[in-house]
């Protein structure tokens, strides 16, 4: 992947957390949009020109809207091999790849494996989802601004909504059920993830557009280390 085109540009990363619905991210000046998973289910995201798309194991590759959008925009498309569980070898994947007429890449995003987290916990690389990977990928570019929205977690009541699927609360299939109190609770994993950003180069380029929402677990960290600027706050609220 050639990062040169991102030099001195602004990247907007759109994840599936609730803040994607609750803030006016369209009001920002950005050059490129990166997104993931079922983004096409949310009209505001579908209307964007997508520059980079990260496939998820759960994506329904037969969906005509997804196929048409990718064929139209021709974004850089990748899957993370660890999380894709061999689906890239399926007939479904091969038919999908052929239909969109766009290359799909396996991407092993570099992470600082030497990072030490409290109590010896694992690096959050595989724990907090694909938006986490996208943010770290953007930090490897020389973009001047990296805005991200929809990387939130949950409030204590699990009453917030997924921005793409519109599902309120946890899915029955979610194996992580605890809000806090364990090494792999939502509070722990998202806190570790936001702290991980602080180990990456020039992390102050980040702007957490969900900052301040009750479900945005990273708010305390972003407010201290890369707070929303006054200009950004006024535009998105």
Protein backbone atom coordinates (compact mmCIF):
# COMPACT_ATOMS: atom_id res chain seq x y z
CA UNK A 1 0.00 0.00 0.00
CA UNK A 2 1.41 3.39 -1.02
CA UNK A 3 1.05 5.89 1.82
CA UNK A 4 2.45 8.85 -0.13
CA UNK A 5 -0.92 10.22 -1.21
CA UNK A 6 -1.91 10.74 2.44
CA UNK A 7 0.98 13.10 3.21
CA UNK A 8 -0.41 16.34 4.68
CA UNK A 9 -3.98 15.17 4.00
CA UNK A 10 -6.88 14.45 6.36
CA UNK A 11 -8.28 10.95 6.85
CA UNK A 12 -11.73 10.26 8.33
CA UNK A 13 -12.15 6.76 9.77
CA UNK A 14 -15.76 5.64 10.26
CA UNK A 15 -16.46 2.67 12.53
CA UNK A 16 -19.69 1.06 13.64
CA UNK A 17 -19.92 2.62 17.10
CA UNK A 18 -22.85 4.82 18.06
CA UNK A 19 -20.98 8.11 17.67
CA UNK A 20 -21.12 7.61 13.89
CA UNK A 21 -24.84 8.34 14.26
CA UNK A 22 -24.60 11.01 16.93
CA UNK A 23 -22.03 13.49 15.62
CA UNK A 24 -21.95 15.60 12.45
CA UNK A 25 -18.69 14.30 11.04
CA UNK A 26 -19.70 15.36 7.51
CA UNK A 27 -19.07 18.98 8.56
CA UNK A 28 -15.32 18.39 8.74
CA UNK A 29 -12.86 19.00 5.94
CA UNK A 30 -11.36 15.62 5.04
CA UNK A 31 -9.69 14.17 1.97
CA UNK A 32 -10.15 10.43 2.40
CA UNK A 33 -12.71 8.14 4.05
CA UNK A 34 -11.78 4.74 5.48
CA UNK A 35 -14.43 2.39 6.79
CA UNK A 36 -15.25 -1.25 7.47
CA UNK A 37 -17.77 -4.02 8.03
CA UNK A 38 -21.40 -3.20 7.14
CA UNK A 39 -20.89 0.50 6.45
CA UNK A 40 -23.29 0.36 3.49
CA UNK A 41 -26.25 -0.13 5.87
CA UNK A 42 -25.93 3.48 7.07
CA UNK A 43 -26.93 5.94 4.31
CA UNK A 44 -24.66 8.73 5.57
CA UNK A 45 -21.63 6.49 5.18
CA UNK A 46 -22.79 4.88 1.95
CA UNK A 47 -22.97 8.33 0.36
CA UNK A 48 -19.26 8.91 0.95
CA UNK A 49 -16.52 8.16 -1.55
CA UNK A 50 -14.70 5.27 0.12
CA UNK A 51 -10.91 5.25 -0.23
CA UNK A 52 -10.18 2.21 1.95
CA UNK A 53 -12.43 -0.62 3.13
CA UNK A 54 -11.59 -3.33 5.65
CA UNK A 55 -13.51 -6.57 5.19
CA UNK A 56 -14.90 -8.39 8.20
CA UNK A 57 -15.49 -12.12 8.59
CA UNK A 58 -19.15 -11.29 9.14
CA UNK A 59 -19.63 -9.40 5.86
CA UNK A 60 -22.29 -10.92 3.60
CA UNK A 61 -20.31 -10.98 0.37
CA UNK A 62 -23.43 -11.63 -1.71
CA UNK A 63 -24.92 -8.23 -0.84
CA UNK A 64 -25.53 -6.32 -4.07
CA UNK A 65 -25.24 -2.88 -2.44
CA UNK A 66 -21.79 -3.69 -1.07
CA UNK A 67 -20.63 -5.12 -4.38
CA UNK A 68 -21.93 -2.15 -6.37
CA UNK A 69 -20.37 0.40 -4.01
CA UNK A 70 -16.96 -1.23 -4.10
CA UNK A 71 -17.07 -1.64 -7.86
CA UNK A 72 -17.97 2.05 -8.18
CA UNK A 73 -15.48 3.58 -5.73
CA UNK A 74 -12.66 1.06 -6.25
CA UNK A 75 -11.19 1.59 -2.78
CA UNK A 76 -8.16 -0.16 -1.41
CA UNK A 77 -9.72 -3.33 0.09
CA UNK A 78 -8.02 -5.52 2.64
CA UNK A 79 -8.69 -8.24 5.16
CA UNK A 80 -6.74 -9.06 8.28
CA UNK A 81 -5.73 -12.71 7.95
CA UNK A 82 -5.96 -13.44 11.67
CA UNK A 83 -9.53 -12.18 11.90
CA UNK A 84 -10.75 -13.43 8.53
CA UNK A 85 -10.55 -17.10 9.56
CA UNK A 86 -9.67 -18.52 6.17
CA UNK A 87 -12.74 -17.10 4.43
CA UNK A 88 -10.44 -15.76 1.70
CA UNK A 89 -10.18 -19.35 0.44
CA UNK A 90 -13.92 -19.83 0.02
CA UNK A 91 -15.86 -19.95 -3.25
CA UNK A 92 -18.00 -17.10 -1.93
CA UNK A 93 -14.93 -14.88 -1.52
CA UNK A 94 -13.60 -15.70 -4.98
CA UNK A 95 -16.93 -14.88 -6.61
CA UNK A 96 -17.11 -11.64 -4.64
CA UNK A 97 -13.59 -10.68 -5.68
CA UNK A 98 -14.39 -11.29 -9.33
CA UNK A 99 -17.65 -9.32 -9.19
CA UNK A 100 -16.20 -6.09 -7.76
CA UNK A 101 -13.35 -5.92 -10.30
CA UNK A 102 -11.03 -4.53 -7.63
CA UNK A 103 -7.99 -6.03 -5.95
CA UNK A 104 -8.25 -7.32 -2.38
CA UNK A 105 -5.15 -7.53 -0.23
CA UNK A 106 -4.15 -9.42 2.86
CA UNK A 107 -2.75 -6.87 5.27
CA UNK A 108 -0.62 -7.53 8.30
CA UNK A 109 -0.68 -4.14 9.99
CA UNK A 110 2.52 -3.54 11.97
CA UNK A 111 2.05 -3.08 15.68
CA UNK A 112 4.52 -2.37 18.42
CA UNK A 113 4.56 -5.83 19.96
CA UNK A 114 6.92 -4.58 22.68
CA UNK A 115 4.16 -2.50 24.24
CA UNK A 116 3.61 -3.48 27.86
CA UNK A 117 0.11 -3.14 29.20
CA UNK A 118 -0.94 -3.13 32.87
CA UNK A 119 -0.89 -6.50 34.62
CA UNK A 120 0.75 -8.18 31.64
CA UNK A 121 -2.42 -8.13 29.52
CA UNK A 122 -2.21 -8.94 25.84
CA UNK A 123 -1.67 -6.31 23.18
CA UNK A 124 -5.19 -5.18 22.18
CA UNK A 125 -4.49 -5.84 18.47
CA UNK A 126 -7.08 -8.62 18.21
CA UNK A 127 -9.45 -7.56 20.94
CA UNK A 128 -11.16 -4.29 20.08
CA UNK A 129 -12.08 -4.73 16.45
CA UNK A 130 -11.24 -3.57 12.99
CA UNK A 131 -11.62 0.18 13.62
CA UNK A 132 -8.71 -0.09 16.04
CA UNK A 133 -6.60 -1.54 13.23
CA UNK A 134 -7.63 1.25 10.85
CA UNK A 135 -6.64 3.96 13.31
CA UNK A 136 -3.23 2.41 13.79
CA UNK A 137 -2.82 2.02 10.04
CA UNK A 138 -3.58 5.73 9.58
CA UNK A 139 -0.95 6.57 12.20
CA UNK A 140 1.63 4.93 9.93
CA UNK A 141 0.91 7.52 7.24
CA UNK A 142 2.01 11.16 7.21
CA UNK A 143 -1.56 12.46 7.27
CA UNK A 144 -1.83 15.79 9.04
CA UNK A 145 -5.22 15.00 10.62
CA UNK A 146 -6.72 11.64 11.56
CA UNK A 147 -10.36 11.94 12.55
CA UNK A 148 -12.12 8.84 13.80
CA UNK A 149 -15.72 8.18 14.77
CA UNK A 150 -17.52 5.05 15.88
CA UNK A 151 -14.73 3.66 18.06
CA UNK A 152 -16.64 3.82 21.31
CA UNK A 153 -17.52 0.67 23.22
CA UNK A 154 -20.69 0.73 25.33
CA UNK A 155 -22.32 2.61 28.16
CA UNK A 156 -22.90 0.73 31.40
CA UNK A 157 -26.47 -0.13 30.45
CA UNK A 158 -25.49 -1.48 27.01
CA UNK A 159 -28.29 0.68 25.66
CA UNK A 160 -26.51 2.35 22.77
CA UNK A 161 -26.97 1.34 19.14
CA UNK A 162 -24.64 -0.08 16.51
CA UNK A 163 -24.34 2.56 13.81
CA UNK A 164 -24.51 0.16 10.88
CA UNK A 165 -26.82 -2.70 11.92
CA UNK A 166 -28.96 -0.55 14.28
CA UNK A 167 -28.85 -3.35 16.85
CA UNK A 168 -29.29 -2.01 20.40
CA UNK A 169 -27.05 -3.66 22.97
CA UNK A 170 -25.01 -6.84 22.72
CA UNK A 171 -25.72 -9.59 20.21
CA UNK A 172 -26.52 -13.05 21.54
CA UNK A 173 -23.33 -14.25 19.87
CA UNK A 174 -21.06 -11.73 21.64
CA UNK A 175 -18.69 -13.66 23.87
CA UNK A 176 -17.52 -10.57 25.76
CA UNK A 177 -20.38 -9.66 28.13
CA UNK A 178 -18.78 -7.69 30.98
CA UNK A 179 -18.65 -3.90 30.96
CA UNK A 180 -15.84 -3.73 33.54
CA UNK A 181 -14.05 -5.70 36.20
CA UNK A 182 -12.15 -8.28 34.12
CA UNK A 183 -9.01 -8.22 31.98
CA UNK A 184 -11.11 -8.53 28.82
CA UNK A 185 -14.15 -6.46 29.72
CA UNK A 186 -15.16 -3.65 27.37
CA UNK A 187 -13.80 -1.03 29.73
CA UNK A 188 -10.43 -2.76 29.97
CA UNK A 189 -10.04 -3.53 26.27
CA UNK A 190 -11.03 -0.08 25.01
CA UNK A 191 -8.92 1.63 27.66
CA UNK A 192 -5.95 -0.50 26.63
CA UNK A 193 -6.64 0.32 22.98
CA UNK A 194 -6.71 4.08 23.53
CA UNK A 195 -3.56 3.84 25.62
CA UNK A 196 -1.97 1.88 22.78
CA UNK A 197 -2.46 4.84 20.46
CA UNK A 198 -0.12 6.78 22.72
CA UNK A 199 2.73 4.45 21.71
CA UNK A 200 2.31 5.28 18.02
CA UNK A 201 4.13 8.05 16.11
CA UNK A 202 2.60 11.52 16.24
CA UNK A 203 -0.59 10.32 17.93
CA UNK A 204 -1.61 13.94 18.61
CA UNK A 205 -2.90 14.00 15.05
CA UNK A 206 -5.85 11.95 16.32
CA UNK A 207 -9.29 13.44 16.99
CA UNK A 208 -11.81 11.19 18.75
CA UNK A 209 -15.09 12.55 17.38
CA UNK A 210 -17.10 10.51 19.90
CA UNK A 211 -15.37 12.25 22.80
CA UNK A 212 -17.77 13.12 25.60
CA UNK A 213 -20.50 10.61 24.77
CA UNK A 214 -21.44 8.35 27.68
CA UNK A 215 -20.60 5.24 25.65
CA UNK A 216 -17.22 6.51 24.44
CA UNK A 217 -14.87 4.65 26.75
CA UNK A 218 -11.78 6.39 25.40
CA UNK A 219 -12.96 9.89 26.30
CA UNK A 220 -10.82 10.26 29.43
CA UNK A 221 -7.67 9.33 27.54
CA UNK A 222 -8.32 11.37 24.41
CA UNK A 223 -9.28 14.45 26.45
CA UNK A 224 -5.92 14.33 28.18
CA UNK A 225 -3.63 13.39 25.31
CA UNK A 226 -5.29 14.44 22.03
CA UNK A 227 -8.39 16.48 22.93
CA UNK A 228 -10.86 17.70 20.35
CA UNK A 229 -9.90 21.11 19.12
CA UNK A 230 -12.43 23.88 19.58
CA UNK A 231 -12.91 24.14 15.82
CA UNK A 232 -13.63 20.41 15.40
CA UNK A 233 -15.94 20.32 18.42
CA UNK A 234 -18.03 23.21 17.10
CA UNK A 235 -18.36 21.64 13.67
CA UNK A 236 -19.50 18.18 14.75
CA UNK A 237 -21.86 19.00 17.62
